[in-house]
Structure formats: structure tokens, C-alpha cells
């Protein structure tokens, strides 16, 4: 379903909820999961299409969205997919709401947005 991504780290507010979203709803494979006791932090490594990796972190009471290395959130993460309409349908069937599909005015490719449990913006973008 998802084709490409570069390494990205996400800090979530509720580790179990975010783990369920990324693993069970989006279908990313778990590569490793460790608890770092000294930081009271979980780290979950997820494979995207067997090639790329997302690191999902938890920290105690992360601040919301200020520009700090260990603040909750990310600006925007786009996944390449072969068929935006089909992936949108699958996401909607799993209870994940998506915005209406749009057309990139510069490339002519389809794309749309949805959010993770913390409201972080995720995008699916048509294969180029």
C-alpha cells in the first residue's frame, strides 16, 4: 500500500494508541520495540514497505509542537501510494477520515491528507 518514505521520528502523547494506529491500522511492520528506562521512553521501529523506517517515541509529558527536538509532533509526512482512491477507501473502512482527494496543480498527481491519533498531518500522494 505504501511505497516510500525517508527515516522519520515521531513523538506521540499516547504510546499504546499511536502504536495501534501505525501498526494495526496503517499496517507498518514492527522491526524492534524497546523501553529506555532511564528516559521513561518507548521506542518503536516500524518498517514502511520493507525499505524505510519510522521511529515512534514516547516521553513523559511531551510539550505540544514547539520547535524542540523532543517535542510532540511533526510538520507533515507524505507516503507514496500507487492508487490514492483505493488507499483512501481502505483508510476510511478502518475508521480513518480523509480529506477530499485533490490534484497537485504542478504535477497533476492525486493526494489527500489524514491525521494520526495526535492530529499529526499525514498525506498520501500518487506514485510518480
Foldseek 3Di string as FASTA:
>chain_A
DFDDFAEEEAEDADVVQQCCCVCVQVNWAWPDWDQDVVQRKIWTWTDDVNPHIYIYMYGPPAADDDPDPRHGADAETETEDADQVVVQVSNVVVVWDKDDWDADPVPRWIKIWTAGPVRHIYMYTHDD
